[in-house]
């Protein structure tokens, strides 16, 4: 045994369709149900429509979460919105549609 912690597998939250406030609330509930130190991957690559209020609600959730949440699939416009709300977007993976604004 080398004393290093064993990395935990990340829980995957995958959404599709419309990402609105109710979808962001479902994400918030799912995050609240897990362990505080559980890594989570939020996959939004199959979301076809983003509502700004849903993204703003997600920003509030991410701002108060002590855990690591990796987000994939946001568009450039929504990354700018998160930055305006002082959420670090340096590690956000844009996914396959990174050119969409």
N, C-alpha and C. Protein backbone atom coordinates (compact mmCIF):
# COMPACT_ATOMS: atom_id res chain seq x y z
N UNK A 1 0.85 -1.19 0.00
CA UNK A 1 0.00 0.00 0.00
C UNK A 1 0.89 1.24 0.00
N UNK A 2 0.62 2.18 -0.86
CA UNK A 2 1.48 3.35 -1.00
C UNK A 2 0.96 4.59 -0.29
N UNK A 3 -0.20 4.53 0.33
CA UNK A 3 -0.71 5.66 1.10
C UNK A 3 -1.44 6.71 0.29
N UNK A 4 -1.44 6.59 -1.04
CA UNK A 4 -2.18 7.55 -1.86
C UNK A 4 -3.65 7.18 -1.91
N UNK A 5 -4.53 8.18 -1.89
CA UNK A 5 -5.96 7.87 -1.97
C UNK A 5 -6.32 7.31 -3.34
N UNK A 6 -7.26 6.40 -3.36
CA UNK A 6 -7.75 5.83 -4.61
C UNK A 6 -8.73 6.82 -5.22
N UNK A 7 -8.51 7.23 -6.48
CA UNK A 7 -9.44 8.19 -7.09
C UNK A 7 -10.82 7.57 -7.25
N UNK A 8 -11.83 8.37 -6.96
CA UNK A 8 -13.21 7.91 -7.09
C UNK A 8 -13.69 8.13 -8.51
N UNK A 9 -14.50 7.21 -8.97
CA UNK A 9 -15.11 7.37 -10.29
C UNK A 9 -16.12 8.52 -10.22
N UNK A 10 -16.14 9.31 -11.25
CA UNK A 10 -17.06 10.45 -11.30
C UNK A 10 -18.47 9.97 -11.64
N UNK A 11 -19.44 10.58 -11.01
CA UNK A 11 -20.85 10.32 -11.35
C UNK A 11 -21.19 11.17 -12.57
N UNK A 12 -21.88 10.57 -13.53
CA UNK A 12 -22.24 11.26 -14.77
C UNK A 12 -23.69 11.70 -14.71
N UNK A 13 -23.91 13.00 -14.92
CA UNK A 13 -25.25 13.56 -15.08
C UNK A 13 -25.34 14.02 -16.53
N UNK A 14 -26.18 13.34 -17.30
CA UNK A 14 -26.27 13.63 -18.73
C UNK A 14 -27.66 14.18 -19.03
N UNK A 15 -27.71 15.35 -19.64
CA UNK A 15 -28.99 15.98 -19.97
C UNK A 15 -29.10 16.15 -21.48
N UNK A 16 -30.35 16.20 -21.93
CA UNK A 16 -30.61 16.46 -23.35
C UNK A 16 -31.90 17.26 -23.46
N UNK A 17 -32.14 17.78 -24.65
CA UNK A 17 -33.36 18.56 -24.87
C UNK A 17 -33.16 20.02 -24.52
N UNK A 18 -33.99 20.52 -23.62
CA UNK A 18 -33.96 21.93 -23.22
C UNK A 18 -33.36 22.04 -21.82
N UNK A 19 -32.38 22.96 -21.68
CA UNK A 19 -31.81 23.24 -20.37
C UNK A 19 -32.40 24.56 -19.89
N UNK A 20 -33.43 24.44 -19.05
CA UNK A 20 -34.10 25.61 -18.49
C UNK A 20 -33.95 25.58 -16.97
N UNK A 21 -34.69 26.42 -16.27
CA UNK A 21 -34.57 26.48 -14.81
C UNK A 21 -34.95 25.14 -14.18
N UNK A 22 -35.98 24.49 -14.67
CA UNK A 22 -36.37 23.21 -14.06
C UNK A 22 -35.29 22.15 -14.27
N UNK A 23 -34.61 22.17 -15.42
CA UNK A 23 -33.49 21.24 -15.63
C UNK A 23 -32.34 21.57 -14.69
N UNK A 24 -32.06 22.86 -14.50
CA UNK A 24 -31.00 23.26 -13.57
C UNK A 24 -31.36 22.87 -12.14
N UNK A 25 -32.63 22.95 -11.79
CA UNK A 25 -33.07 22.53 -10.46
C UNK A 25 -32.89 21.02 -10.28
N UNK A 26 -33.13 20.24 -11.33
CA UNK A 26 -32.90 18.79 -11.25
C UNK A 26 -31.41 18.51 -11.04
N UNK A 27 -30.55 19.26 -11.71
CA UNK A 27 -29.11 19.11 -11.51
C UNK A 27 -28.75 19.45 -10.07
N UNK A 28 -29.31 20.53 -9.54
CA UNK A 28 -29.03 20.93 -8.16
C UNK A 28 -29.44 19.84 -7.18
N UNK A 29 -30.62 19.24 -7.39
CA UNK A 29 -31.07 18.15 -6.51
C UNK A 29 -30.14 16.94 -6.61
N UNK A 30 -29.72 16.61 -7.83
CA UNK A 30 -28.82 15.47 -8.02
C UNK A 30 -27.48 15.72 -7.33
N UNK A 31 -26.98 16.95 -7.40
CA UNK A 31 -25.72 17.27 -6.73
C UNK A 31 -25.88 17.20 -5.22
N UNK A 32 -27.01 17.65 -4.71
CA UNK A 32 -27.25 17.63 -3.27
C UNK A 32 -27.37 16.21 -2.73
N UNK A 33 -27.81 15.27 -3.56
CA UNK A 33 -27.98 13.89 -3.12
C UNK A 33 -26.66 13.14 -2.98
N UNK A 34 -25.62 13.58 -3.67
CA UNK A 34 -24.34 12.88 -3.64
C UNK A 34 -23.47 13.33 -2.48
N UNK A 35 -22.36 12.61 -2.30
CA UNK A 35 -21.37 12.99 -1.29
C UNK A 35 -20.73 14.31 -1.69
N UNK A 36 -20.36 15.10 -0.69
CA UNK A 36 -19.78 16.42 -0.95
C UNK A 36 -18.46 16.33 -1.71
N UNK A 37 -17.71 15.24 -1.52
CA UNK A 37 -16.41 15.12 -2.19
C UNK A 37 -16.47 14.25 -3.45
N UNK A 38 -17.67 13.90 -3.88
CA UNK A 38 -17.84 13.06 -5.06
C UNK A 38 -17.63 13.88 -6.34
N UNK A 39 -16.71 13.45 -7.22
CA UNK A 39 -16.57 14.16 -8.49
C UNK A 39 -17.78 13.89 -9.38
N UNK A 40 -18.20 14.93 -10.08
CA UNK A 40 -19.38 14.83 -10.94
C UNK A 40 -19.05 15.39 -12.31
N UNK A 41 -19.46 14.69 -13.36
CA UNK A 41 -19.35 15.18 -14.73
C UNK A 41 -20.75 15.51 -15.21
N UNK A 42 -20.96 16.76 -15.58
CA UNK A 42 -22.25 17.22 -16.10
C UNK A 42 -22.12 17.35 -17.61
N UNK A 43 -22.77 16.45 -18.33
CA UNK A 43 -22.68 16.41 -19.79
C UNK A 43 -23.90 17.07 -20.41
N UNK A 44 -23.68 18.22 -21.04
CA UNK A 44 -24.75 18.98 -21.69
C UNK A 44 -24.61 18.97 -23.21
N UNK A 45 -23.80 18.05 -23.73
CA UNK A 45 -23.51 18.07 -25.17
C UNK A 45 -24.74 17.75 -26.02
N UNK A 46 -25.76 17.11 -25.46
CA UNK A 46 -26.96 16.78 -26.23
C UNK A 46 -28.12 17.73 -25.94
N UNK A 47 -27.84 18.82 -25.24
CA UNK A 47 -28.86 19.84 -25.02
C UNK A 47 -28.99 20.64 -26.31
N UNK A 48 -30.21 20.77 -26.82
CA UNK A 48 -30.41 21.49 -28.09
C UNK A 48 -30.76 22.95 -27.88
N UNK A 49 -31.24 23.30 -26.66
CA UNK A 49 -31.65 24.68 -26.39
C UNK A 49 -31.30 25.04 -24.95
N UNK A 50 -30.57 26.13 -24.79
CA UNK A 50 -30.20 26.62 -23.47
C UNK A 50 -30.99 27.89 -23.17
N UNK A 51 -31.59 27.96 -22.01
CA UNK A 51 -32.22 29.19 -21.54
C UNK A 51 -31.23 29.88 -20.60
N UNK A 52 -31.06 31.18 -20.79
CA UNK A 52 -30.10 31.92 -19.97
C UNK A 52 -30.41 31.81 -18.48
N UNK A 53 -31.68 31.82 -18.11
CA UNK A 53 -32.02 31.71 -16.68
C UNK A 53 -31.62 30.34 -16.14
N UNK A 54 -31.71 29.31 -16.94
CA UNK A 54 -31.25 27.98 -16.51
C UNK A 54 -29.76 27.97 -16.27
N UNK A 55 -29.01 28.60 -17.18
CA UNK A 55 -27.55 28.67 -17.01
C UNK A 55 -27.20 29.53 -15.80
N UNK A 56 -27.93 30.62 -15.58
CA UNK A 56 -27.69 31.47 -14.40
C UNK A 56 -27.98 30.70 -13.11
N UNK A 57 -29.03 29.89 -13.10
CA UNK A 57 -29.34 29.07 -11.93
C UNK A 57 -28.22 28.05 -11.71
N UNK A 58 -27.75 27.44 -12.80
CA UNK A 58 -26.63 26.50 -12.70
C UNK A 58 -25.40 27.19 -12.12
N UNK A 59 -25.15 28.43 -12.53
CA UNK A 59 -24.01 29.18 -11.99
C UNK A 59 -24.12 29.34 -10.49
N UNK A 60 -25.30 29.63 -9.99
CA UNK A 60 -25.49 29.75 -8.53
C UNK A 60 -25.20 28.43 -7.84
N UNK A 61 -25.65 27.34 -8.43
CA UNK A 61 -25.42 26.01 -7.86
C UNK A 61 -23.92 25.71 -7.82
N UNK A 62 -23.23 25.98 -8.92
CA UNK A 62 -21.80 25.70 -8.99
C UNK A 62 -21.00 26.58 -8.04
N UNK A 63 -21.46 27.80 -7.81
CA UNK A 63 -20.74 28.73 -6.94
C UNK A 63 -20.72 28.28 -5.49
N UNK A 64 -21.74 27.56 -5.05
CA UNK A 64 -21.82 27.16 -3.64
C UNK A 64 -21.43 25.70 -3.42
N UNK A 65 -21.09 24.98 -4.46
CA UNK A 65 -20.77 23.57 -4.33
C UNK A 65 -19.32 23.40 -3.90
N UNK A 66 -19.06 22.67 -2.82
CA UNK A 66 -17.69 22.42 -2.40
C UNK A 66 -17.03 21.31 -3.21
N UNK A 67 -17.76 20.63 -4.04
CA UNK A 67 -17.22 19.50 -4.79
C UNK A 67 -16.76 19.93 -6.18
N UNK A 68 -16.03 19.05 -6.81
CA UNK A 68 -15.58 19.31 -8.18
C UNK A 68 -16.66 18.86 -9.15
N UNK A 69 -17.11 19.79 -9.98
CA UNK A 69 -18.09 19.48 -11.02
C UNK A 69 -17.49 19.88 -12.36
N UNK A 70 -17.31 18.91 -13.24
CA UNK A 70 -16.82 19.18 -14.59
C UNK A 70 -18.02 19.30 -15.52
N UNK A 71 -18.07 20.40 -16.28
CA UNK A 71 -19.20 20.65 -17.18
C UNK A 71 -18.72 20.54 -18.61
N UNK A 72 -19.49 19.83 -19.43
CA UNK A 72 -19.14 19.67 -20.84
C UNK A 72 -20.34 20.03 -21.70
N UNK A 73 -20.11 20.81 -22.75
CA UNK A 73 -21.14 21.05 -23.74
C UNK A 73 -21.77 22.43 -23.73
N UNK A 74 -21.27 23.35 -22.91
CA UNK A 74 -21.82 24.71 -22.94
C UNK A 74 -21.33 25.44 -24.19
N UNK A 75 -22.07 26.39 -24.63
CA UNK A 75 -21.71 27.21 -25.78
C UNK A 75 -20.92 28.44 -25.30
N UNK A 76 -20.24 29.11 -26.22
CA UNK A 76 -19.43 30.28 -25.86
C UNK A 76 -20.25 31.34 -25.14
N UNK A 77 -21.46 31.59 -25.60
CA UNK A 77 -22.32 32.60 -24.98
C UNK A 77 -22.54 32.28 -23.50
N UNK A 78 -22.75 31.01 -23.19
CA UNK A 78 -23.03 30.62 -21.81
C UNK A 78 -21.77 30.64 -20.95
N UNK A 79 -20.62 30.38 -21.56
CA UNK A 79 -19.37 30.54 -20.82
C UNK A 79 -19.17 32.01 -20.43
N UNK A 80 -19.49 32.92 -21.36
CA UNK A 80 -19.39 34.35 -21.03
C UNK A 80 -20.33 34.69 -19.88
N UNK A 81 -21.54 34.16 -19.92
CA UNK A 81 -22.50 34.40 -18.85
C UNK A 81 -21.96 33.91 -17.51
N UNK A 82 -21.36 32.72 -17.49
CA UNK A 82 -20.78 32.20 -16.25
C UNK A 82 -19.64 33.10 -15.76
N UNK A 83 -18.81 33.57 -16.69
CA UNK A 83 -17.72 34.47 -16.28
C UNK A 83 -18.25 35.78 -15.71
N UNK A 84 -19.32 36.30 -16.28
CA UNK A 84 -19.95 37.51 -15.73
C UNK A 84 -20.42 37.28 -14.30
N UNK A 85 -20.81 36.04 -14.01
CA UNK A 85 -21.29 35.68 -12.67
C UNK A 85 -20.15 35.18 -11.78
N UNK A 86 -18.90 35.40 -12.23
CA UNK A 86 -17.69 35.09 -11.46
C UNK A 86 -17.52 33.60 -11.20
N UNK A 87 -17.90 32.76 -12.17
CA UNK A 87 -17.67 31.32 -12.09
C UNK A 87 -16.47 31.01 -12.98
N UNK A 88 -15.49 30.28 -12.44
CA UNK A 88 -14.29 29.93 -13.19
C UNK A 88 -14.66 28.96 -14.32
N UNK A 89 -14.34 29.32 -15.54
CA UNK A 89 -14.67 28.47 -16.69
C UNK A 89 -13.42 27.91 -17.35
N UNK A 90 -12.28 28.03 -16.70
CA UNK A 90 -11.03 27.59 -17.33
C UNK A 90 -11.05 26.11 -17.68
N UNK A 91 -11.67 25.27 -16.87
CA UNK A 91 -11.67 23.84 -17.12
C UNK A 91 -12.89 23.32 -17.84
N UNK A 92 -13.72 24.20 -18.35
CA UNK A 92 -14.95 23.76 -19.01
C UNK A 92 -14.63 23.22 -20.39
N UNK A 93 -15.13 22.03 -20.68
CA UNK A 93 -14.96 21.40 -21.98
C UNK A 93 -16.17 21.78 -22.83
N UNK A 94 -15.93 22.41 -23.95
CA UNK A 94 -17.03 22.86 -24.80
C UNK A 94 -17.69 21.71 -25.55
N UNK A 95 -17.02 20.60 -25.68
CA UNK A 95 -17.61 19.47 -26.40
C UNK A 95 -17.53 19.68 -27.90
N UNK A 96 -18.31 18.91 -28.66
CA UNK A 96 -18.17 18.93 -30.11
C UNK A 96 -18.68 20.18 -30.81
N UNK A 97 -19.48 21.01 -30.15
CA UNK A 97 -20.06 22.18 -30.82
C UNK A 97 -19.46 23.48 -30.29
N UNK A 98 -18.15 23.51 -30.13
CA UNK A 98 -17.51 24.68 -29.52
C UNK A 98 -17.64 25.94 -30.34
N UNK A 99 -17.93 25.83 -31.62
CA UNK A 99 -18.06 27.02 -32.45
C UNK A 99 -19.40 27.71 -32.33
N UNK A 100 -20.39 27.05 -31.75
CA UNK A 100 -21.73 27.66 -31.64
C UNK A 100 -21.72 28.75 -30.61
N UNK A 101 -22.39 29.85 -30.90
CA UNK A 101 -22.42 30.96 -29.95
C UNK A 101 -23.81 31.26 -29.50
